[in-house]
ModelCIF file with pLDDT and N, C-alpha, C, O atoms, coordinates in Angstrom:
data_MODEL
#
_entry.id   MODEL 
#
_entity.id                         1 
_entity.type                       polymer 
_entity.pdbx_number_of_molecules   1 
#
_entity_poly.entity_id                      1 
_entity_poly.type                           'polypeptide(L)' 
_entity_poly.nstd_linkage                   no 
_entity_poly.nstd_monomer                   no 
_entity_poly.pdbx_seq_one_letter_code       RIGQALLSVGPDRLAYGSEGFIWPDVQAYITMWANLEMPDELQDRYGY 
_entity_poly.pdbx_seq_one_letter_code_can   RIGQALLSVGPDRLAYGSEGFIWPDVQAYITMWANLEMPDELQDRYGY 
_entity_poly.pdbx_strand_id                 A 
#
loop_
_entity_poly_seq.entity_id 
_entity_poly_seq.num 
_entity_poly_seq.mon_id 
_entity_poly_seq.hetero 
1 1  ARG n 
1 2  ILE n 
1 3  GLY n 
1 4  GLN n 
1 5  ALA n 
1 6  LEU n 
1 7  LEU n 
1 8  SER n 
1 9  VAL n 
1 10 GLY n 
1 11 PRO n 
1 12 ASP n 
1 13 ARG n 
1 14 LEU n 
1 15 ALA n 
1 16 TYR n 
1 17 GLY n 
1 18 SER n 
1 19 GLU n 
1 20 GLY n 
1 21 PHE n 
1 22 ILE n 
1 23 TRP n 
1 24 PRO n 
1 25 ASP n 
1 26 VAL n 
1 27 GLN n 
1 28 ALA n 
1 29 TYR n 
1 30 ILE n 
1 31 THR n 
1 32 MET n 
1 33 TRP n 
1 34 ALA n 
1 35 ASN n 
1 36 LEU n 
1 37 GLU n 
1 38 MET n 
1 39 PRO n 
1 40 ASP n 
1 41 GLU n 
1 42 LEU n 
1 43 GLN n 
1 44 ASP n 
1 45 ARG n 
1 46 TYR n 
1 47 GLY n 
1 48 TYR n 
#
_struct_asym.id          A 
_struct_asym.entity_id   1 
#
loop_
_ma_qa_metric.id 
_ma_qa_metric.mode 
_ma_qa_metric.name 
_ma_qa_metric.software_group_id 
_ma_qa_metric.type 
1 global pLDDT . pLDDT 
2 local  pLDDT . pLDDT 
#
_ma_qa_metric_global.metric_id      1 
_ma_qa_metric_global.metric_value   91.81 
_ma_qa_metric_global.model_id       1 
_ma_qa_metric_global.ordinal_id     1 
#
loop_
_ma_qa_metric_local.label_asym_id 
_ma_qa_metric_local.label_comp_id 
_ma_qa_metric_local.label_seq_id 
_ma_qa_metric_local.metric_id 
_ma_qa_metric_local.metric_value 
_ma_qa_metric_local.model_id 
_ma_qa_metric_local.ordinal_id 
A ARG 1  2 97.00 1 1  
A ILE 2  2 97.00 1 2  
A GLY 3  2 98.00 1 3  
A GLN 4  2 97.00 1 4  
A ALA 5  2 98.00 1 5  
A LEU 6  2 98.00 1 6  
A LEU 7  2 97.00 1 7  
A SER 8  2 97.00 1 8  
A VAL 9  2 98.00 1 9  
A GLY 10 2 97.00 1 10 
A PRO 11 2 98.00 1 11 
A ASP 12 2 98.00 1 12 
A ARG 13 2 98.00 1 13 
A LEU 14 2 98.00 1 14 
A ALA 15 2 97.00 1 15 
A TYR 16 2 94.00 1 16 
A GLY 17 2 87.00 1 17 
A SER 18 2 82.00 1 18 
A GLU 19 2 77.00 1 19 
A GLY 20 2 74.00 1 20 
A PHE 21 2 72.00 1 21 
A ILE 22 2 73.00 1 22 
A TRP 23 2 71.00 1 23 
A PRO 24 2 68.00 1 24 
A ASP 25 2 78.00 1 25 
A VAL 26 2 84.00 1 26 
A GLN 27 2 88.00 1 27 
A ALA 28 2 88.00 1 28 
A TYR 29 2 88.00 1 29 
A ILE 30 2 90.00 1 30 
A THR 31 2 93.00 1 31 
A MET 32 2 93.00 1 32 
A TRP 33 2 94.00 1 33 
A ALA 34 2 94.00 1 34 
A ASN 35 2 96.00 1 35 
A LEU 36 2 96.00 1 36 
A GLU 37 2 97.00 1 37 
A MET 38 2 98.00 1 38 
A PRO 39 2 97.00 1 39 
A ASP 40 2 97.00 1 40 
A GLU 41 2 96.00 1 41 
A LEU 42 2 97.00 1 42 
A GLN 43 2 97.00 1 43 
A ASP 44 2 97.00 1 44 
A ARG 45 2 97.00 1 45 
A TYR 46 2 97.00 1 46 
A GLY 47 2 97.00 1 47 
A TYR 48 2 97.00 1 48 
#
loop_
_atom_site.group_PDB 
_atom_site.id 
_atom_site.type_symbol 
_atom_site.label_atom_id 
_atom_site.label_alt_id 
_atom_site.label_comp_id 
_atom_site.label_asym_id 
_atom_site.label_entity_id 
_atom_site.label_seq_id 
_atom_site.pdbx_PDB_ins_code 
_atom_site.Cartn_x 
_atom_site.Cartn_y 
_atom_site.Cartn_z 
_atom_site.occupancy 
_atom_site.B_iso_or_equiv 
_atom_site.pdbx_formal_charge 
_atom_site.auth_seq_id 
_atom_site.auth_comp_id 
_atom_site.auth_asym_id 
_atom_site.auth_atom_id 
_atom_site.pdbx_PDB_model_num 
ATOM 1   N N  . ARG A 1 1  ? 132.800 145.642 -2.358  1.00 97.00 ? 1  ARG A N  1 
ATOM 2   C CA . ARG A 1 1  ? 132.922 147.097 -2.468  1.00 97.00 ? 1  ARG A CA 1 
ATOM 3   C C  . ARG A 1 1  ? 133.480 147.500 -3.834  1.00 97.00 ? 1  ARG A C  1 
ATOM 4   O O  . ARG A 1 1  ? 132.937 148.391 -4.487  1.00 97.00 ? 1  ARG A O  1 
ATOM 5   N N  . ILE A 1 2  ? 134.553 146.852 -4.264  1.00 97.00 ? 2  ILE A N  1 
ATOM 6   C CA . ILE A 1 2  ? 135.146 147.205 -5.558  1.00 97.00 ? 2  ILE A CA 1 
ATOM 7   C C  . ILE A 1 2  ? 134.208 146.793 -6.687  1.00 97.00 ? 2  ILE A C  1 
ATOM 8   O O  . ILE A 1 2  ? 134.155 147.458 -7.722  1.00 97.00 ? 2  ILE A O  1 
ATOM 9   N N  . GLY A 1 3  ? 133.465 145.697 -6.498  1.00 98.00 ? 3  GLY A N  1 
ATOM 10  C CA . GLY A 1 3  ? 132.492 145.278 -7.505  1.00 98.00 ? 3  GLY A CA 1 
ATOM 11  C C  . GLY A 1 3  ? 131.381 146.290 -7.668  1.00 98.00 ? 3  GLY A C  1 
ATOM 12  O O  . GLY A 1 3  ? 130.988 146.605 -8.791  1.00 98.00 ? 3  GLY A O  1 
ATOM 13  N N  . GLN A 1 4  ? 130.867 146.808 -6.557  1.00 97.00 ? 4  GLN A N  1 
ATOM 14  C CA . GLN A 1 4  ? 129.815 147.823 -6.617  1.00 97.00 ? 4  GLN A CA 1 
ATOM 15  C C  . GLN A 1 4  ? 130.313 149.097 -7.287  1.00 97.00 ? 4  GLN A C  1 
ATOM 16  O O  . GLN A 1 4  ? 129.595 149.713 -8.075  1.00 97.00 ? 4  GLN A O  1 
ATOM 17  N N  . ALA A 1 5  ? 131.546 149.489 -6.970  1.00 98.00 ? 5  ALA A N  1 
ATOM 18  C CA . ALA A 1 5  ? 132.097 150.692 -7.583  1.00 98.00 ? 5  ALA A CA 1 
ATOM 19  C C  . ALA A 1 5  ? 132.282 150.508 -9.086  1.00 98.00 ? 5  ALA A C  1 
ATOM 20  O O  . ALA A 1 5  ? 131.997 151.421 -9.861  1.00 98.00 ? 5  ALA A O  1 
ATOM 21  N N  . LEU A 1 6  ? 132.754 149.342 -9.500  1.00 98.00 ? 6  LEU A N  1 
ATOM 22  C CA . LEU A 1 6  ? 132.934 149.085 -10.930 1.00 98.00 ? 6  LEU A CA 1 
ATOM 23  C C  . LEU A 1 6  ? 131.599 149.086 -11.658 1.00 98.00 ? 6  LEU A C  1 
ATOM 24  O O  . LEU A 1 6  ? 131.518 149.562 -12.791 1.00 98.00 ? 6  LEU A O  1 
ATOM 25  N N  . LEU A 1 7  ? 130.550 148.563 -11.031 1.00 97.00 ? 7  LEU A N  1 
ATOM 26  C CA . LEU A 1 7  ? 129.235 148.550 -11.660 1.00 97.00 ? 7  LEU A CA 1 
ATOM 27  C C  . LEU A 1 7  ? 128.650 149.944 -11.783 1.00 97.00 ? 7  LEU A C  1 
ATOM 28  O O  . LEU A 1 7  ? 128.105 150.293 -12.830 1.00 97.00 ? 7  LEU A O  1 
ATOM 29  N N  . SER A 1 8  ? 128.753 150.747 -10.735 1.00 97.00 ? 8  SER A N  1 
ATOM 30  C CA . SER A 1 8  ? 128.052 152.039 -10.682 1.00 97.00 ? 8  SER A CA 1 
ATOM 31  C C  . SER A 1 8  ? 128.872 153.209 -11.217 1.00 97.00 ? 8  SER A C  1 
ATOM 32  O O  . SER A 1 8  ? 128.318 154.152 -11.781 1.00 97.00 ? 8  SER A O  1 
ATOM 33  N N  . VAL A 1 9  ? 130.182 153.147 -11.041 1.00 98.00 ? 9  VAL A N  1 
ATOM 34  C CA . VAL A 1 9  ? 131.053 154.249 -11.456 1.00 98.00 ? 9  VAL A CA 1 
ATOM 35  C C  . VAL A 1 9  ? 131.799 153.900 -12.740 1.00 98.00 ? 9  VAL A C  1 
ATOM 36  O O  . VAL A 1 9  ? 132.045 154.765 -13.580 1.00 98.00 ? 9  VAL A O  1 
ATOM 37  N N  . GLY A 1 10 ? 132.152 152.636 -12.884 1.00 97.00 ? 10 GLY A N  1 
ATOM 38  C CA . GLY A 1 10 ? 132.913 152.193 -14.039 1.00 97.00 ? 10 GLY A CA 1 
ATOM 39  C C  . GLY A 1 10 ? 134.393 152.116 -13.735 1.00 97.00 ? 10 GLY A C  1 
ATOM 40  O O  . GLY A 1 10 ? 134.831 152.570 -12.678 1.00 97.00 ? 10 GLY A O  1 
ATOM 41  N N  . PRO A 1 11 ? 135.175 151.548 -14.645 1.00 98.00 ? 11 PRO A N  1 
ATOM 42  C CA . PRO A 1 11 ? 136.593 151.316 -14.382 1.00 98.00 ? 11 PRO A CA 1 
ATOM 43  C C  . PRO A 1 11 ? 137.503 152.513 -14.636 1.00 98.00 ? 11 PRO A C  1 
ATOM 44  O O  . PRO A 1 11 ? 138.708 152.432 -14.397 1.00 98.00 ? 11 PRO A O  1 
ATOM 45  N N  . ASP A 1 12 ? 136.942 153.628 -15.119 1.00 98.00 ? 12 ASP A N  1 
ATOM 46  C CA . ASP A 1 12 ? 137.789 154.750 -15.536 1.00 98.00 ? 12 ASP A CA 1 
ATOM 47  C C  . ASP A 1 12 ? 137.993 155.823 -14.470 1.00 98.00 ? 12 ASP A C  1 
ATOM 48  O O  . ASP A 1 12 ? 138.779 156.748 -14.673 1.00 98.00 ? 12 ASP A O  1 
ATOM 49  N N  . ARG A 1 13 ? 137.290 155.712 -13.328 1.00 98.00 ? 13 ARG A N  1 
ATOM 50  C CA . ARG A 1 13 ? 137.419 156.755 -12.305 1.00 98.00 ? 13 ARG A CA 1 
ATOM 51  C C  . ARG A 1 13 ? 137.689 156.167 -10.928 1.00 98.00 ? 13 ARG A C  1 
ATOM 52  O O  . ARG A 1 13 ? 137.272 156.730 -9.916  1.00 98.00 ? 13 ARG A O  1 
ATOM 53  N N  . LEU A 1 14 ? 138.391 155.030 -10.889 1.00 98.00 ? 14 LEU A N  1 
ATOM 54  C CA . LEU A 1 14 ? 138.870 154.436 -9.645  1.00 98.00 ? 14 LEU A CA 1 
ATOM 55  C C  . LEU A 1 14 ? 140.385 154.458 -9.684  1.00 98.00 ? 14 LEU A C  1 
ATOM 56  O O  . LEU A 1 14 ? 140.981 154.160 -10.719 1.00 98.00 ? 14 LEU A O  1 
ATOM 57  N N  . ALA A 1 15 ? 141.020 154.808 -8.569  1.00 97.00 ? 15 ALA A N  1 
ATOM 58  C CA . ALA A 1 15 ? 142.474 154.977 -8.575  1.00 97.00 ? 15 ALA A CA 1 
ATOM 59  C C  . ALA A 1 15 ? 143.106 154.331 -7.350  1.00 97.00 ? 15 ALA A C  1 
ATOM 60  O O  . ALA A 1 15 ? 142.617 154.463 -6.228  1.00 97.00 ? 15 ALA A O  1 
ATOM 61  N N  . TYR A 1 16 ? 144.196 153.636 -7.597  1.00 94.00 ? 16 TYR A N  1 
ATOM 62  C CA . TYR A 1 16 ? 144.983 152.981 -6.545  1.00 94.00 ? 16 TYR A CA 1 
ATOM 63  C C  . TYR A 1 16 ? 145.493 153.978 -5.507  1.00 94.00 ? 16 TYR A C  1 
ATOM 64  O O  . TYR A 1 16 ? 145.815 155.123 -5.826  1.00 94.00 ? 16 TYR A O  1 
ATOM 65  N N  . GLY A 1 17 ? 145.559 153.526 -4.279  1.00 87.00 ? 17 GLY A N  1 
ATOM 66  C CA . GLY A 1 17 ? 146.209 154.267 -3.205  1.00 87.00 ? 17 GLY A CA 1 
ATOM 67  C C  . GLY A 1 17 ? 146.666 153.277 -2.157  1.00 87.00 ? 17 GLY A C  1 
ATOM 68  O O  . GLY A 1 17 ? 145.976 152.288 -1.908  1.00 87.00 ? 17 GLY A O  1 
ATOM 69  N N  . SER A 1 18 ? 147.809 153.513 -1.537  1.00 82.00 ? 18 SER A N  1 
ATOM 70  C CA . SER A 1 18 ? 148.398 152.502 -0.659  1.00 82.00 ? 18 SER A CA 1 
ATOM 71  C C  . SER A 1 18 ? 148.509 152.914 0.800   1.00 82.00 ? 18 SER A C  1 
ATOM 72  O O  . SER A 1 18 ? 148.729 152.062 1.661   1.00 82.00 ? 18 SER A O  1 
ATOM 73  N N  . GLU A 1 19 ? 148.362 154.220 1.103   1.00 77.00 ? 19 GLU A N  1 
ATOM 74  C CA . GLU A 1 19 ? 148.707 154.706 2.437   1.00 77.00 ? 19 GLU A CA 1 
ATOM 75  C C  . GLU A 1 19 ? 150.126 154.266 2.780   1.00 77.00 ? 19 GLU A C  1 
ATOM 76  O O  . GLU A 1 19 ? 150.397 153.864 3.912   1.00 77.00 ? 19 GLU A O  1 
ATOM 77  N N  . GLY A 1 20 ? 151.035 154.342 1.799   1.00 74.00 ? 20 GLY A N  1 
ATOM 78  C CA . GLY A 1 20 ? 152.382 153.830 1.964   1.00 74.00 ? 20 GLY A CA 1 
ATOM 79  C C  . GLY A 1 20 ? 153.179 154.493 3.070   1.00 74.00 ? 20 GLY A C  1 
ATOM 80  O O  . GLY A 1 20 ? 154.104 153.889 3.612   1.00 74.00 ? 20 GLY A O  1 
ATOM 81  N N  . PHE A 1 21 ? 152.833 155.739 3.416   1.00 72.00 ? 21 PHE A N  1 
ATOM 82  C CA . PHE A 1 21 ? 153.537 156.397 4.504   1.00 72.00 ? 21 PHE A CA 1 
ATOM 83  C C  . PHE A 1 21 ? 153.204 155.747 5.847   1.00 72.00 ? 21 PHE A C  1 
ATOM 84  O O  . PHE A 1 21 ? 153.996 155.812 6.786   1.00 72.00 ? 21 PHE A O  1 
ATOM 85  N N  . ILE A 1 22 ? 152.032 155.121 5.932   1.00 73.00 ? 22 ILE A N  1 
ATOM 86  C CA . ILE A 1 22 ? 151.621 154.497 7.184   1.00 73.00 ? 22 ILE A CA 1 
ATOM 87  C C  . ILE A 1 22 ? 152.004 153.026 7.201   1.00 73.00 ? 22 ILE A C  1 
ATOM 88  O O  . ILE A 1 22 ? 152.520 152.518 8.197   1.00 73.00 ? 22 ILE A O  1 
ATOM 89  N N  . TRP A 1 23 ? 151.744 152.345 6.085   1.00 71.00 ? 23 TRP A N  1 
ATOM 90  C CA . TRP A 1 23 ? 152.093 150.930 5.941   1.00 71.00 ? 23 TRP A CA 1 
ATOM 91  C C  . TRP A 1 23 ? 153.017 150.808 4.730   1.00 71.00 ? 23 TRP A C  1 
ATOM 92  O O  . TRP A 1 23 ? 152.544 150.555 3.622   1.00 71.00 ? 23 TRP A O  1 
ATOM 93  N N  . PRO A 1 24 ? 154.313 150.982 4.920   1.00 68.00 ? 24 PRO A N  1 
ATOM 94  C CA . PRO A 1 24 ? 155.217 151.164 3.770   1.00 68.00 ? 24 PRO A CA 1 
ATOM 95  C C  . PRO A 1 24 ? 155.541 149.919 2.961   1.00 68.00 ? 24 PRO A C  1 
ATOM 96  O O  . PRO A 1 24 ? 156.246 150.032 1.959   1.00 68.00 ? 24 PRO A O  1 
ATOM 97  N N  . ASP A 1 25 ? 155.063 148.735 3.341   1.00 78.00 ? 25 ASP A N  1 
ATOM 98  C CA . ASP A 1 25 ? 155.356 147.523 2.579   1.00 78.00 ? 25 ASP A CA 1 
ATOM 99  C C  . ASP A 1 25 ? 154.368 147.413 1.412   1.00 78.00 ? 25 ASP A C  1 
ATOM 100 O O  . ASP A 1 25 ? 153.501 146.539 1.400   1.00 78.00 ? 25 ASP A O  1 
ATOM 101 N N  . VAL A 1 26 ? 154.511 148.316 0.426   1.00 84.00 ? 26 VAL A N  1 
ATOM 102 C CA . VAL A 1 26 ? 153.515 148.406 -0.634  1.00 84.00 ? 26 VAL A CA 1 
ATOM 103 C C  . VAL A 1 26 ? 153.627 147.279 -1.655  1.00 84.00 ? 26 VAL A C  1 
ATOM 104 O O  . VAL A 1 26 ? 152.695 147.058 -2.428  1.00 84.00 ? 26 VAL A O  1 
ATOM 105 N N  . GLN A 1 27 ? 154.759 146.558 -1.675  1.00 88.00 ? 27 GLN A N  1 
ATOM 106 C CA . GLN A 1 27 ? 154.877 145.466 -2.641  1.00 88.00 ? 27 GLN A CA 1 
ATOM 107 C C  . GLN A 1 27 ? 153.786 144.428 -2.449  1.00 88.00 ? 27 GLN A C  1 
ATOM 108 O O  . GLN A 1 27 ? 153.326 143.825 -3.418  1.00 88.00 ? 27 GLN A O  1 
ATOM 109 N N  . ALA A 1 28 ? 153.368 144.215 -1.208  1.00 88.00 ? 28 ALA A N  1 
ATOM 110 C CA . ALA A 1 28 ? 152.285 143.262 -0.950  1.00 88.00 ? 28 ALA A CA 1 
ATOM 111 C C  . ALA A 1 28 ? 151.000 143.699 -1.644  1.00 88.00 ? 28 ALA A C  1 
ATOM 112 O O  . ALA A 1 28 ? 150.259 142.860 -2.156  1.00 88.00 ? 28 ALA A O  1 
ATOM 113 N N  . TYR A 1 29 ? 150.727 145.011 -1.665  1.00 88.00 ? 29 TYR A N  1 
ATOM 114 C CA . TYR A 1 29 ? 149.521 145.508 -2.331  1.00 88.00 ? 29 TYR A CA 1 
ATOM 115 C C  . TYR A 1 29 ? 149.638 145.359 -3.840  1.00 88.00 ? 29 TYR A C  1 
ATOM 116 O O  . TYR A 1 29 ? 148.673 145.006 -4.518  1.00 88.00 ? 29 TYR A O  1 
ATOM 117 N N  . ILE A 1 30 ? 150.838 145.633 -4.361  1.00 90.00 ? 30 ILE A N  1 
ATOM 118 C CA . ILE A 1 30 ? 151.064 145.517 -5.796  1.00 90.00 ? 30 ILE A CA 1 
ATOM 119 C C  . ILE A 1 30 ? 150.850 144.072 -6.251  1.00 90.00 ? 30 ILE A C  1 
ATOM 120 O O  . ILE A 1 30 ? 150.174 143.818 -7.247  1.00 90.00 ? 30 ILE A O  1 
ATOM 121 N N  . THR A 1 31 ? 151.431 143.139 -5.514  1.00 93.00 ? 31 THR A N  1 
ATOM 122 C CA . THR A 1 31 ? 151.300 141.730 -5.857  1.00 93.00 ? 31 THR A CA 1 
ATOM 123 C C  . THR A 1 31 ? 149.854 141.269 -5.731  1.00 93.00 ? 31 THR A C  1 
ATOM 124 O O  . THR A 1 31 ? 149.348 140.547 -6.590  1.00 93.00 ? 31 THR A O  1 
ATOM 125 N N  . MET A 1 32 ? 149.199 141.686 -4.667  1.00 93.00 ? 32 MET A N  1 
ATOM 126 C CA . MET A 1 32 ? 147.797 141.298 -4.472  1.00 93.00 ? 32 MET A CA 1 
ATOM 127 C C  . MET A 1 32 ? 146.939 141.772 -5.633  1.00 93.00 ? 32 MET A C  1 
ATOM 128 O O  . MET A 1 32 ? 146.167 140.991 -6.188  1.00 93.00 ? 32 MET A O  1 
ATOM 129 N N  . TRP A 1 33 ? 147.062 143.051 -6.011  1.00 94.00 ? 33 TRP A N  1 
ATOM 130 C CA . TRP A 1 33 ? 146.210 143.604 -7.070  1.00 94.00 ? 33 TRP A CA 1 
ATOM 131 C C  . TRP A 1 33 ? 146.521 142.959 -8.416  1.00 94.00 ? 33 TRP A C  1 
ATOM 132 O O  . TRP A 1 33 ? 145.616 142.724 -9.216  1.00 94.00 ? 33 TRP A O  1 
ATOM 133 N N  . ALA A 1 34 ? 147.794 142.674 -8.667  1.00 94.00 ? 34 ALA A N  1 
ATOM 134 C CA . ALA A 1 34 ? 148.177 142.058 -9.936  1.00 94.00 ? 34 ALA A CA 1 
ATOM 135 C C  . ALA A 1 34 ? 147.556 140.670 -10.086 1.00 94.00 ? 34 ALA A C  1 
ATOM 136 O O  . ALA A 1 34 ? 147.249 140.246 -11.200 1.00 94.00 ? 34 ALA A O  1 
ATOM 137 N N  . ASN A 1 35 ? 147.371 139.966 -8.977  1.00 96.00 ? 35 ASN A N  1 
ATOM 138 C CA . ASN A 1 35 ? 146.884 138.589 -9.028  1.00 96.00 ? 35 ASN A CA 1 
ATOM 139 C C  . ASN A 1 35 ? 145.418 138.434 -8.643  1.00 96.00 ? 35 ASN A C  1 
ATOM 140 O O  . ASN A 1 35 ? 144.871 137.334 -8.719  1.00 96.00 ? 35 ASN A O  1 
ATOM 141 N N  . LEU A 1 36 ? 144.775 139.530 -8.230  1.00 96.00 ? 36 LEU A N  1 
ATOM 142 C CA . LEU A 1 36 ? 143.414 139.435 -7.705  1.00 96.00 ? 36 LEU A CA 1 
ATOM 143 C C  . LEU A 1 36 ? 142.416 139.062 -8.805  1.00 96.00 ? 36 LEU A C  1 
ATOM 144 O O  . LEU A 1 36 ? 142.517 139.528 -9.940  1.00 96.00 ? 36 LEU A O  1 
ATOM 145 N N  . GLU A 1 37 ? 141.455 138.212 -8.442  1.00 97.00 ? 37 GLU A N  1 
ATOM 146 C CA . GLU A 1 37 ? 140.384 137.830 -9.346  1.00 97.00 ? 37 GLU A CA 1 
ATOM 147 C C  . GLU A 1 37 ? 139.047 138.046 -8.648  1.00 97.00 ? 37 GLU A C  1 
ATOM 148 O O  . GLU A 1 37 ? 138.928 137.874 -7.435  1.00 97.00 ? 37 GLU A O  1 
ATOM 149 N N  . MET A 1 38 ? 138.045 138.425 -9.433  1.00 98.00 ? 38 MET A N  1 
ATOM 150 C CA . MET A 1 38 ? 136.688 138.505 -8.886  1.00 98.00 ? 38 MET A CA 1 
ATOM 151 C C  . MET A 1 38 ? 136.098 137.099 -8.901  1.00 98.00 ? 38 MET A C  1 
ATOM 152 O O  . MET A 1 38 ? 135.957 136.510 -9.973  1.00 98.00 ? 38 MET A O  1 
ATOM 153 N N  . PRO A 1 39 ? 135.753 136.553 -7.753  1.00 97.00 ? 39 PRO A N  1 
ATOM 154 C CA . PRO A 1 39 ? 135.237 135.181 -7.722  1.00 97.00 ? 39 PRO A CA 1 
ATOM 155 C C  . PRO A 1 39 ? 134.028 135.004 -8.641  1.00 97.00 ? 39 PRO A C  1 
ATOM 156 O O  . PRO A 1 39 ? 133.195 135.902 -8.769  1.00 97.00 ? 39 PRO A O  1 
ATOM 157 N N  . ASP A 1 40 ? 133.945 133.845 -9.272  1.00 97.00 ? 40 ASP A N  1 
ATOM 158 C CA . ASP A 1 40 ? 132.817 133.557 -10.168 1.00 97.00 ? 40 ASP A CA 1 
ATOM 159 C C  . ASP A 1 40 ? 131.486 133.696 -9.432  1.00 97.00 ? 40 ASP A C  1 
ATOM 160 O O  . ASP A 1 40 ? 130.492 134.142 -10.005 1.00 97.00 ? 40 ASP A O  1 
ATOM 161 N N  . GLU A 1 41 ? 131.481 133.313 -8.168  1.00 96.00 ? 41 GLU A N  1 
ATOM 162 C CA . GLU A 1 41 ? 130.243 133.407 -7.380  1.00 96.00 ? 41 GLU A CA 1 
ATOM 163 C C  . GLU A 1 41 ? 129.724 134.839 -7.332  1.00 96.00 ? 41 GLU A C  1 
ATOM 164 O O  . GLU A 1 41 ? 128.526 135.067 -7.497  1.00 96.00 ? 41 GLU A O  1 
ATOM 165 N N  . LEU A 1 42 ? 130.613 135.809 -7.108  1.00 97.00 ? 42 LEU A N  1 
ATOM 166 C CA . LEU A 1 42 ? 130.188 137.197 -7.027  1.00 97.00 ? 42 LEU A CA 1 
ATOM 167 C C  . LEU A 1 42 ? 129.817 137.743 -8.403  1.00 97.00 ? 42 LEU A C  1 
ATOM 168 O O  . LEU A 1 42 ? 128.917 138.575 -8.517  1.00 97.00 ? 42 LEU A O  1 
ATOM 169 N N  . GLN A 1 43 ? 130.500 137.286 -9.439  1.00 97.00 ? 43 GLN A N  1 
ATOM 170 C CA . GLN A 1 43 ? 130.121 137.700 -10.789 1.00 97.00 ? 43 GLN A CA 1 
ATOM 171 C C  . GLN A 1 43 ? 128.729 137.178 -11.134 1.00 97.00 ? 43 GLN A C  1 
ATOM 172 O O  . GLN A 1 43 ? 127.920 137.901 -11.715 1.00 97.00 ? 43 GLN A O  1 
ATOM 173 N N  . ASP A 1 44 ? 128.449 135.925 -10.777 1.00 97.00 ? 44 ASP A N  1 
ATOM 174 C CA . ASP A 1 44 ? 127.163 135.323 -11.126 1.00 97.00 ? 44 ASP A CA 1 
ATOM 175 C C  . ASP A 1 44 ? 126.017 135.894 -10.297 1.00 97.00 ? 44 ASP A C  1 
ATOM 176 O O  . ASP A 1 44 ? 124.938 136.159 -10.828 1.00 97.00 ? 44 ASP A O  1 
ATOM 177 N N  . ARG A 1 45 ? 126.247 136.084 -8.999  1.00 97.00 ? 45 ARG A N  1 
ATOM 178 C CA . ARG A 1 45 ? 125.156 136.503 -8.115  1.00 97.00 ? 45 ARG A CA 1 
ATOM 179 C C  . ARG A 1 45 ? 124.883 137.998 -8.164  1.00 97.00 ? 45 ARG A C  1 
ATOM 180 O O  . ARG A 1 45 ? 123.739 138.429 -8.017  1.00 97.00 ? 45 ARG A O  1 
ATOM 181 N N  . TYR A 1 46 ? 125.950 138.805 -8.375  1.00 97.00 ? 46 TYR A N  1 
ATOM 182 C CA . TYR A 1 46 ? 125.782 140.251 -8.286  1.00 97.00 ? 46 TYR A CA 1 
ATOM 183 C C  . TYR A 1 46 ? 126.089 140.990 -9.586  1.00 97.00 ? 46 TYR A C  1 
ATOM 184 O O  . TYR A 1 46 ? 125.882 142.200 -9.673  1.00 97.00 ? 46 TYR A O  1 
ATOM 185 N N  . GLY A 1 47 ? 126.577 140.278 -10.591 1.00 97.00 ? 47 GLY A N  1 
ATOM 186 C CA . GLY A 1 47 ? 126.866 140.929 -11.862 1.00 97.00 ? 47 GLY A CA 1 
ATOM 187 C C  . GLY A 1 47 ? 128.138 141.735 -11.873 1.00 97.00 ? 47 GLY A C  1 
ATOM 188 O O  . GLY A 1 47 ? 128.333 142.563 -12.763 1.00 97.00 ? 47 GLY A O  1 
ATOM 189 N N  . TYR A 1 48 ? 129.023 141.512 -10.893 1.00 97.00 ? 48 TYR A N  1 
ATOM 190 C CA . TYR A 1 48 ? 130.280 142.245 -10.867 1.00 97.00 ? 48 TYR A CA 1 
ATOM 191 C C  . TYR A 1 48 ? 131.145 141.834 -12.052 1.00 97.00 ? 48 TYR A C  1 
ATOM 192 O O  . TYR A 1 48 ? 132.255 142.342 -12.212 1.00 97.00 ? 48 TYR A O  1 
#
């Protein structure tokens, strides 16, 4: 999903959101996003 959005919309109009009022442990999201990588398989097969 994020790969498709980056391809079609670009990186300048996507914005983080956490729903922190519902799931308030937002540090897990921060850590996940900081360390997340797009797998080589998805880059090669779909051009993400």
